[in-house]
C-alpha atoms as a PDB file:
ATOM      1  CA  MET A   1    -261.027 -24.578 -92.691  1.00  0.00           C
ATOM      2  CA  ASN A   2    -262.458 -21.393 -94.212  1.00  0.00           C
ATOM      3  CA  SER A   3    -260.835 -17.995 -93.779  1.00  0.00           C
ATOM      4  CA  ARG A   4    -261.292 -16.030 -90.569  1.00  0.00           C
ATOM      5  CA  ARG A   5    -264.783 -14.672 -89.919  1.00  0.00           C
ATOM      6  CA  LEU A   6    -265.243 -11.964 -87.281  1.00  0.00           C
ATOM      7  CA  THR A   7    -268.507 -11.447 -85.409  1.00  0.00           C
ATOM      8  CA  PRO A   8    -268.790  -9.052 -82.421  1.00  0.00           C
ATOM      9  CA  GLU A   9    -268.498 -10.807 -79.061  1.00  0.00           C
ATOM     10  CA  ILE A  10    -271.164  -9.935 -76.521  1.00  0.00           C
ATOM     11  CA  LEU A  11    -268.769  -9.693 -73.566  1.00  0.00           C
ATOM     12  CA  ASP A  12    -266.870  -6.880 -75.272  1.00  0.00           C
ATOM     13  CA  SER A  13    -269.995  -4.696 -75.283  1.00  0.00           C
ATOM     14  CA  LEU A  14    -270.991  -5.271 -71.650  1.00  0.00           C
ATOM     15  CA  PRO A  15    -269.922  -3.070 -68.721  1.00  0.00           C
ATOM     16  CA  PRO A  16    -267.591  -5.013 -66.400  1.00  0.00           C
ATOM     17  CA  SER A  17    -270.190  -4.905 -63.603  1.00  0.00           C
ATOM     18  CA  ASP A  18    -273.020  -6.327 -65.718  1.00  0.00           C
ATOM     19  CA  PRO A  19    -274.249  -9.642 -64.223  1.00  0.00           C
ATOM     20  CA  ALA A  20    -273.898 -11.360 -67.606  1.00  0.00           C
ATOM     21  CA  ALA A  21    -270.298 -10.115 -67.891  1.00  0.00           C
ATOM     22  CA  LEU A  22    -269.507 -11.343 -64.389  1.00  0.00           C
ATOM     23  CA  ALA A  23    -270.991 -14.747 -65.180  1.00  0.00           C
ATOM     24  CA  SER A  24    -269.071 -15.023 -68.446  1.00  0.00           C
ATOM     25  CA  ARG A  25    -265.776 -14.098 -66.784  1.00  0.00           C
ATOM     26  CA  ARG A  26    -266.398 -16.807 -64.183  1.00  0.00           C
ATOM     27  CA  ASP A  27    -266.907 -19.225 -67.063  1.00  0.00           C
ATOM     28  CA  LEU A  28    -263.602 -18.142 -68.624  1.00  0.00           C
ATOM     29  CA  GLN A  29    -261.829 -18.827 -65.348  1.00  0.00           C
ATOM     30  CA  ARG A  30    -263.087 -22.407 -65.578  1.00  0.00           C
ATOM     31  CA  ILE A  31    -262.431 -22.760 -69.294  1.00  0.00           C
ATOM     32  CA  HIS A  32    -258.807 -21.574 -69.409  1.00  0.00           C
ATOM     33  CA  PRO A  33    -257.445 -24.709 -67.699  1.00  0.00           C
ATOM     34  CA  LEU A  34    -259.629 -26.931 -69.894  1.00  0.00           C
ATOM     35  CA  LEU A  35    -258.126 -25.312 -72.975  1.00  0.00           C
ATOM     36  CA  GLY A  36    -254.675 -26.164 -71.666  1.00  0.00           C
ATOM     37  CA  GLN A  37    -253.668 -22.518 -71.481  1.00  0.00           C
ATOM     38  CA  HIS A  38    -252.510 -22.601 -67.851  1.00  0.00           C
ATOM     39  CA  ARG A  39    -250.034 -25.360 -68.642  1.00  0.00           C
ATOM     40  CA  LEU A  40    -249.011 -23.764 -71.940  1.00  0.00           C
ATOM     41  CA  TRP A  41    -248.134 -20.419 -70.387  1.00  0.00           C
ATOM     42  CA  ILE A  42    -246.434 -21.871 -67.320  1.00  0.00           C
ATOM     43  CA  GLU A  43    -244.188 -24.106 -69.422  1.00  0.00           C
ATOM     44  CA  TRP A  44    -243.392 -21.345 -71.910  1.00  0.00           C
ATOM     45  CA  LEU A  45    -242.533 -18.804 -69.212  1.00  0.00           C
ATOM     46  CA  ARG A  46    -240.333 -21.269 -67.344  1.00  0.00           C
ATOM     47  CA  LYS A  47    -238.465 -22.195 -70.528  1.00  0.00           C
ATOM     48  CA  THR A  48    -238.117 -18.620 -71.767  1.00  0.00           C
ATOM     49  CA  TYR A  49    -237.100 -17.105 -68.411  1.00  0.00           C
ATOM     50  CA  PRO A  50    -235.299 -19.878 -66.503  1.00  0.00           C
ATOM     51  CA  SER A  51    -233.453 -17.430 -64.233  1.00  0.00           C
ATOM     52  CA  GLY A  52    -236.465 -15.405 -63.150  1.00  0.00           C
ATOM     53  CA  PRO A  53    -239.123 -13.086 -64.529  1.00  0.00           C
ATOM     54  CA  PRO A  54    -238.464 -10.326 -67.067  1.00  0.00           C
ATOM     55  CA  ARG A  55    -237.979  -6.764 -65.860  1.00  0.00           C
ATOM     56  CA  SER A  56    -241.311  -5.711 -67.361  1.00  0.00           C
ATOM     57  CA  LEU A  57    -244.331  -7.657 -68.580  1.00  0.00           C
ATOM     58  CA  ALA A  58    -247.430  -6.283 -70.281  1.00  0.00           C
ATOM     59  CA  ASP A  59    -250.690  -8.221 -70.584  1.00  0.00           C
ATOM     60  CA  LEU A  60    -252.838  -6.833 -73.416  1.00  0.00           C
ATOM     61  CA  GLY A  61    -256.555  -7.339 -72.961  1.00  0.00           C
ATOM     62  CA  CYS A  62    -255.972  -8.403 -69.370  1.00  0.00           C
ATOM     63  CA  GLY A  63    -259.638  -8.280 -68.295  1.00  0.00           C
ATOM     64  CA  ASP A  64    -259.724  -9.287 -64.643  1.00  0.00           C
ATOM     65  CA  ALA A  65    -256.093 -10.553 -64.776  1.00  0.00           C
ATOM     66  CA  HIS A  66    -257.234 -13.873 -63.331  1.00  0.00           C
ATOM     67  CA  LEU A  67    -255.095 -15.866 -65.770  1.00  0.00           C
ATOM     68  CA  LEU A  68    -251.890 -14.052 -64.787  1.00  0.00           C
ATOM     69  CA  ALA A  69    -252.765 -14.395 -61.120  1.00  0.00           C
ATOM     70  CA  GLN A  70    -252.955 -18.159 -61.646  1.00  0.00           C
ATOM     71  CA  ILE A  71    -249.899 -18.760 -63.832  1.00  0.00           C
ATOM     72  CA  LEU A  72    -247.268 -16.353 -62.498  1.00  0.00           C
ATOM     73  CA  PRO A  73    -246.906 -17.961 -59.035  1.00  0.00           C
ATOM     74  CA  LEU A  74    -246.348 -21.345 -60.710  1.00  0.00           C
ATOM     75  CA  ALA A  75    -244.036 -20.074 -63.435  1.00  0.00           C
ATOM     76  CA  PHE A  76    -242.019 -17.948 -60.992  1.00  0.00           C
ATOM     77  CA  PRO A  77    -242.416 -19.404 -57.479  1.00  0.00           C
ATOM     78  CA  GLY A  78    -239.729 -17.028 -56.217  1.00  0.00           C
ATOM     79  CA  GLY A  79    -241.980 -14.072 -56.965  1.00  0.00           C
ATOM     80  CA  GLY A  80    -241.844 -11.126 -59.327  1.00  0.00           C
ATOM     81  CA  ASN A  81    -238.498  -9.724 -58.157  1.00  0.00           C
ATOM     82  CA  GLY A  82    -239.809  -6.194 -58.726  1.00  0.00           C
ATOM     83  CA  CYS A  83    -241.023  -6.850 -62.283  1.00  0.00           C
ATOM     84  CA  HIS A  84    -243.256  -4.065 -63.617  1.00  0.00           C
ATOM     85  CA  LEU A  85    -246.580  -5.723 -64.455  1.00  0.00           C
ATOM     86  CA  LEU A  86    -248.609  -3.653 -66.922  1.00  0.00           C
ATOM     87  CA  LEU A  87    -252.272  -4.711 -67.039  1.00  0.00           C
ATOM     88  CA  VAL A  88    -253.756  -3.147 -70.164  1.00  0.00           C
ATOM     89  CA  ASP A  89    -257.421  -3.262 -71.149  1.00  0.00           C
ATOM     90  CA  ARG A  90    -260.039  -0.991 -72.680  1.00  0.00           C
ATOM     91  CA  GLN A  91    -262.258  -1.823 -69.693  1.00  0.00           C
ATOM     92  CA  PRO A  92    -259.992  -3.331 -67.019  1.00  0.00           C
ATOM     93  CA  CYS A  93    -261.725  -5.009 -64.090  1.00  0.00           C
ATOM     94  CA  VAL A  94    -258.806  -6.094 -61.920  1.00  0.00           C
ATOM     95  CA  SER A  95    -259.888  -6.454 -58.299  1.00  0.00           C
ATOM     96  CA  SER A  96    -258.020  -4.937 -55.382  1.00  0.00           C
ATOM     97  CA  ALA A  97    -257.520  -8.461 -54.034  1.00  0.00           C
ATOM     98  CA  THR A  98    -255.755  -9.526 -57.244  1.00  0.00           C
ATOM     99  CA  LEU A  99    -253.528  -6.436 -57.148  1.00  0.00           C
ATOM    100  CA  ALA A 100    -252.691  -7.175 -53.522  1.00  0.00           C
ATOM    101  CA  GLN A 101    -251.803 -10.745 -54.481  1.00  0.00           C
ATOM    102  CA  PHE A 102    -249.371  -9.470 -57.114  1.00  0.00           C
ATOM    103  CA  ARG A 103    -247.764  -6.956 -54.764  1.00  0.00           C
ATOM    104  CA  GLN A 104    -247.375  -9.541 -52.013  1.00  0.00           C
ATOM    105  CA  ALA A 105    -245.374 -11.674 -54.451  1.00  0.00           C
ATOM    106  CA  HIS A 106    -243.119  -8.698 -55.337  1.00  0.00           C
ATOM    107  CA  TRP A 107    -244.673  -7.756 -58.661  1.00  0.00           C
ATOM    108  CA  GLN A 108    -245.310  -4.069 -59.341  1.00  0.00           C
ATOM    109  CA  PRO A 109    -248.736  -3.982 -61.034  1.00  0.00           C
ATOM    110  CA  SER A 110    -250.206  -1.003 -62.865  1.00  0.00           C
ATOM    111  CA  VAL A 111    -253.715  -1.087 -64.311  1.00  0.00           C
ATOM    112  CA  LEU A 112    -253.913   0.911 -67.549  1.00  0.00           C
ATOM    113  CA  SER A 113    -257.268   1.754 -69.136  1.00  0.00           C
ATOM    114  CA  ALA A 114    -256.389   2.055 -72.818  1.00  0.00           C
ATOM    115  CA  THR A 115    -256.851   0.386 -76.156  1.00  0.00           C
ATOM    116  CA  ALA A 116    -254.034  -1.853 -77.281  1.00  0.00           C
ATOM    117  CA  PHE A 117    -253.227   0.578 -80.098  1.00  0.00           C
ATOM    118  CA  SER A 118    -253.044   3.703 -77.950  1.00  0.00           C
ATOM    119  CA  TRP A 119    -250.969   1.933 -75.313  1.00  0.00           C
ATOM    120  CA  ALA A 120    -248.496   0.455 -77.811  1.00  0.00           C
ATOM    121  CA  GLN A 121    -248.071   3.801 -79.550  1.00  0.00           C
ATOM    122  CA  SER A 122    -247.335   5.691 -76.342  1.00  0.00           C
ATOM    123  CA  THR A 123    -245.422   3.294 -74.102  1.00  0.00           C
ATOM    124  CA  THR A 124    -241.698   2.757 -73.741  1.00  0.00           C
ATOM    125  CA  ALA A 125    -239.822  -0.504 -74.298  1.00  0.00           C
ATOM    126  CA  VAL A 126    -241.185  -3.658 -72.602  1.00  0.00           C
ATOM    127  CA  ASP A 127    -239.296  -6.920 -72.115  1.00  0.00           C
ATOM    128  CA  LEU A 128    -242.348  -9.128 -72.697  1.00  0.00           C
ATOM    129  CA  VAL A 129    -245.772  -8.431 -74.147  1.00  0.00           C
ATOM    130  CA  LEU A 130    -248.217 -11.313 -73.933  1.00  0.00           C
ATOM    131  CA  THR A 131    -251.876 -11.716 -74.659  1.00  0.00           C
ATOM    132  CA  ASN A 132    -254.427 -14.478 -74.230  1.00  0.00           C
ATOM    133  CA  LEU A 133    -257.543 -14.829 -76.403  1.00  0.00           C
ATOM    134  CA  PHE A 134    -257.258 -11.236 -77.634  1.00  0.00           C
ATOM    135  CA  LEU A 135    -255.784 -10.943 -81.128  1.00  0.00           C
ATOM    136  CA  HIS A 136    -258.703 -12.741 -82.765  1.00  0.00           C
ATOM    137  CA  HIS A 137    -260.879  -9.697 -82.073  1.00  0.00           C
ATOM    138  CA  PHE A 138    -259.098  -7.798 -84.873  1.00  0.00           C
ATOM    139  CA  GLU A 139    -259.450  -7.931 -88.630  1.00  0.00           C
ATOM    140  CA  ASP A 140    -256.181  -8.622 -90.428  1.00  0.00           C
ATOM    141  CA  ALA A 141    -255.419  -5.005 -91.433  1.00  0.00           C
ATOM    142  CA  PRO A 142    -255.698  -3.449 -87.930  1.00  0.00           C
ATOM    143  CA  LEU A 143    -254.063  -6.531 -86.431  1.00  0.00           C
ATOM    144  CA  GLU A 144    -251.073  -6.098 -88.722  1.00  0.00           C
ATOM    145  CA  LYS A 145    -250.834  -2.480 -87.575  1.00  0.00           C
ATOM    146  CA  LEU A 146    -251.020  -3.516 -83.907  1.00  0.00           C
ATOM    147  CA  LEU A 147    -248.329  -6.168 -84.322  1.00  0.00           C
ATOM    148  CA  ARG A 148    -246.104  -3.604 -86.021  1.00  0.00           C
ATOM    149  CA  GLU A 149    -246.437  -1.313 -82.984  1.00  0.00           C
ATOM    150  CA  ILE A 150    -245.751  -4.193 -80.600  1.00  0.00           C
ATOM    151  CA  SER A 151    -242.630  -5.172 -82.541  1.00  0.00           C
ATOM    152  CA  ARG A 152    -241.361  -1.624 -82.047  1.00  0.00           C
ATOM    153  CA  ILE A 153    -241.544  -1.731 -78.240  1.00  0.00           C
ATOM    154  CA  ALA A 154    -241.185  -5.397 -77.211  1.00  0.00           C
ATOM    155  CA  HIS A 155    -238.179  -7.666 -76.877  1.00  0.00           C
ATOM    156  CA  ARG A 156    -240.505 -10.685 -76.853  1.00  0.00           C
ATOM    157  CA  PHE A 157    -244.136 -11.177 -77.740  1.00  0.00           C
ATOM    158  CA  ALA A 158    -246.371 -14.218 -77.237  1.00  0.00           C
ATOM    159  CA  ALA A 159    -250.041 -14.914 -77.862  1.00  0.00           C
ATOM    160  CA  ALA A 160    -252.396 -17.824 -77.219  1.00  0.00           C
ATOM    161  CA  GLU A 161    -255.463 -17.686 -79.445  1.00  0.00           C
ATOM    162  CA  PRO A 162    -258.381 -19.865 -80.503  1.00  0.00           C
ATOM    163  CA  ARG A 163    -257.374 -22.521 -83.012  1.00  0.00           C
ATOM    164  CA  ARG A 164    -259.669 -22.434 -86.034  1.00  0.00           C
ATOM    165  CA  ASN A 165    -260.247 -26.143 -86.499  1.00  0.00           C
ATOM    166  CA  LEU A 166    -262.888 -28.848 -86.151  1.00  0.00           C
ATOM    167  CA  ALA A 167    -261.909 -29.755 -82.582  1.00  0.00           C
ATOM    168  CA  SER A 168    -262.402 -26.167 -81.409  1.00  0.00           C
ATOM    169  CA  THR A 169    -265.709 -25.905 -83.242  1.00  0.00           C
ATOM    170  CA  ILE A 170    -267.014 -29.039 -81.528  1.00  0.00           C
ATOM    171  CA  GLY A 171    -265.561 -28.002 -78.174  1.00  0.00           C
ATOM    172  CA  SER A 172    -267.240 -24.593 -78.303  1.00  0.00           C
ATOM    173  CA  ARG A 173    -270.612 -26.295 -78.707  1.00  0.00           C
ATOM    174  CA  LEU A 174    -270.006 -28.706 -75.841  1.00  0.00           C
ATOM    175  CA  LEU A 175    -269.552 -25.864 -73.342  1.00  0.00           C
ATOM    176  CA  ARG A 176    -273.286 -25.913 -72.709  1.00  0.00           C
ATOM    177  CA  LEU A 177    -272.680 -29.220 -70.906  1.00  0.00           C
ATOM    178  CA  LEU A 178    -270.654 -27.265 -68.342  1.00  0.00           C
ATOM    179  CA  GLY A 179    -273.599 -24.963 -67.705  1.00  0.00           C
ATOM    180  CA  CYS A 180    -271.901 -21.936 -69.239  1.00  0.00           C
ATOM    181  CA  HIS A 181    -273.758 -18.649 -69.565  1.00  0.00           C
ATOM    182  CA  PRO A 182    -275.379 -17.836 -72.960  1.00  0.00           C
ATOM    183  CA  VAL A 183    -272.870 -15.004 -73.446  1.00  0.00           C
ATOM    184  CA  THR A 184    -270.030 -17.490 -73.086  1.00  0.00           C
ATOM    185  CA  LEU A 185    -271.653 -19.957 -75.482  1.00  0.00           C
ATOM    186  CA  HIS A 186    -272.111 -17.278 -78.143  1.00  0.00           C
ATOM    187  CA  ASP A 187    -268.637 -15.799 -77.743  1.00  0.00           C
ATOM    188  CA  ALA A 188    -266.940 -19.193 -77.790  1.00  0.00           C
ATOM    189  CA  ARG A 189    -268.474 -20.050 -81.153  1.00  0.00           C
ATOM    190  CA  VAL A 190    -267.558 -16.753 -82.799  1.00  0.00           C
ATOM    191  CA  SER A 191    -264.065 -16.813 -81.250  1.00  0.00           C
ATOM    192  CA  VAL A 192    -263.276 -20.066 -83.016  1.00  0.00           C
ATOM    193  CA  ALA A 193    -264.477 -18.666 -86.348  1.00  0.00           C
ATOM    194  CA  ALA A 194    -262.179 -15.654 -85.840  1.00  0.00           C
ATOM    195  CA  GLY A 195    -259.231 -17.768 -84.665  1.00  0.00           C
ATOM    196  CA  PHE A 196    -255.995 -18.694 -86.399  1.00  0.00           C
ATOM    197  CA  ARG A 197    -254.258 -21.598 -88.063  1.00  0.00           C
ATOM    198  CA  ALA A 198    -251.140 -22.363 -90.136  1.00  0.00           C
ATOM    199  CA  LYS A 199    -248.808 -19.294 -90.265  1.00  0.00           C
ATOM    200  CA  GLU A 200    -251.453 -16.591 -90.327  1.00  0.00           C
ATOM    201  CA  LEU A 201    -249.932 -14.544 -87.489  1.00  0.00           C
ATOM    202  CA  SER A 202    -246.378 -14.914 -88.803  1.00  0.00           C
ATOM    203  CA  GLN A 203    -247.569 -13.440 -92.096  1.00  0.00           C
ATOM    204  CA  LEU A 204    -248.906 -10.384 -90.255  1.00  0.00           C
ATOM    205  CA  TRP A 205    -245.779  -9.856 -88.134  1.00  0.00           C
ATOM    206  CA  PRO A 206    -243.327  -7.312 -89.627  1.00  0.00           C
ATOM    207  CA  SER A 207    -240.900  -8.989 -91.994  1.00  0.00           C
ATOM    208  CA  SER A 208    -237.405  -8.680 -90.575  1.00  0.00           C
ATOM    209  CA  THR A 209    -234.310 -10.780 -90.050  1.00  0.00           C
ATOM    210  CA  ILE A 210    -233.988  -9.577 -86.440  1.00  0.00           C
ATOM    211  CA  TRP A 211    -236.948 -11.691 -85.287  1.00  0.00           C
ATOM    212  CA  SER A 212    -237.215 -15.383 -84.532  1.00  0.00           C
ATOM    213  CA  LEU A 213    -240.828 -16.536 -84.938  1.00  0.00           C
ATOM    214  CA  GLN A 214    -242.650 -19.621 -83.734  1.00  0.00           C
ATOM    215  CA  GLU A 215    -246.231 -20.478 -84.632  1.00  0.00           C
ATOM    216  CA  LYS A 216    -247.897 -23.776 -83.855  1.00  0.00           C
ATOM    217  CA  GLN A 217    -250.896 -25.667 -82.579  1.00  0.00           C
ATOM    218  CA  ALA A 218    -250.752 -26.089 -78.798  1.00  0.00           C
ATOM    219  CA  GLY A 219    -253.175 -28.805 -77.819  1.00  0.00           C
ATOM    220  CA  PRO A 220    -256.449 -29.396 -79.647  1.00  0.00           C
ATOM    221  CA  PHE A 221    -257.964 -25.939 -79.100  1.00  0.00           C
ATOM    222  CA  THR A 222    -255.147 -23.359 -78.917  1.00  0.00           C
ATOM    223  CA  HIS A 223    -253.008 -21.589 -81.501  1.00  0.00           C
ATOM    224  CA  PHE A 224    -249.708 -20.210 -80.164  1.00  0.00           C
ATOM    225  CA  PHE A 225    -247.454 -17.539 -81.644  1.00  0.00           C
ATOM    226  CA  SER A 226    -244.228 -16.036 -80.294  1.00  0.00           C
ATOM    227  CA  ALA A 227    -241.647 -13.581 -81.588  1.00  0.00           C
ATOM    228  CA  GLU A 228    -238.216 -12.925 -80.068  1.00  0.00           C
ATOM    229  CA  ARG A 229    -235.568 -10.420 -81.060  1.00  0.00           C
ATOM    230  CA  LYS A 230    -232.328 -12.077 -82.052  1.00  0.00           C
ATOM    231  CA  ASP A 231    -230.137  -9.245 -80.739  1.00  0.00           C
END
């Protein structure tokens, strides 16, 4: 495939309350399971934290936090055990019902309105930073800077991104068969063009012997990257 090509996504420019934004977020709630991301995250979290959740978990670009609300109860059926849940987004739209759901399961959620850069530069250490369909919004140079900041504060980092391949390109065009909103159809196409393949994220992660990196295709449509400190 050709190199990454970034085009602005419409959803990023819409206020969270805009009807088109609401419709597109509803589409994403349907699409995440179809992409295999629910299963991917649940299996990875269970394998990585077999004894229970980390002490702190940050979700960059959390949006409405619907994905976390779906996967955390299945990955950690015993609840959050007091884990600090940091929900970070430039325009967060986490409902009070979702926050109540987290608290009821013994997570301690905090909604933080901030860019990923400003948050990473100002926060203290975090056990796990994860992000879903977020890194592809950045050109390589600012993304390298962001990953450097994340490596400074995180013990582990994981990201699920669009896979830049033929299957994803075809899949993005078939979403119209699901009746997805025009915003979703546009953003899906440009997301694939901005996605990742091979070892592109590993090459942007800070070079150091203290990190163990994994980068791979996860199903036909998803590119997965993780970094873990060896100490």
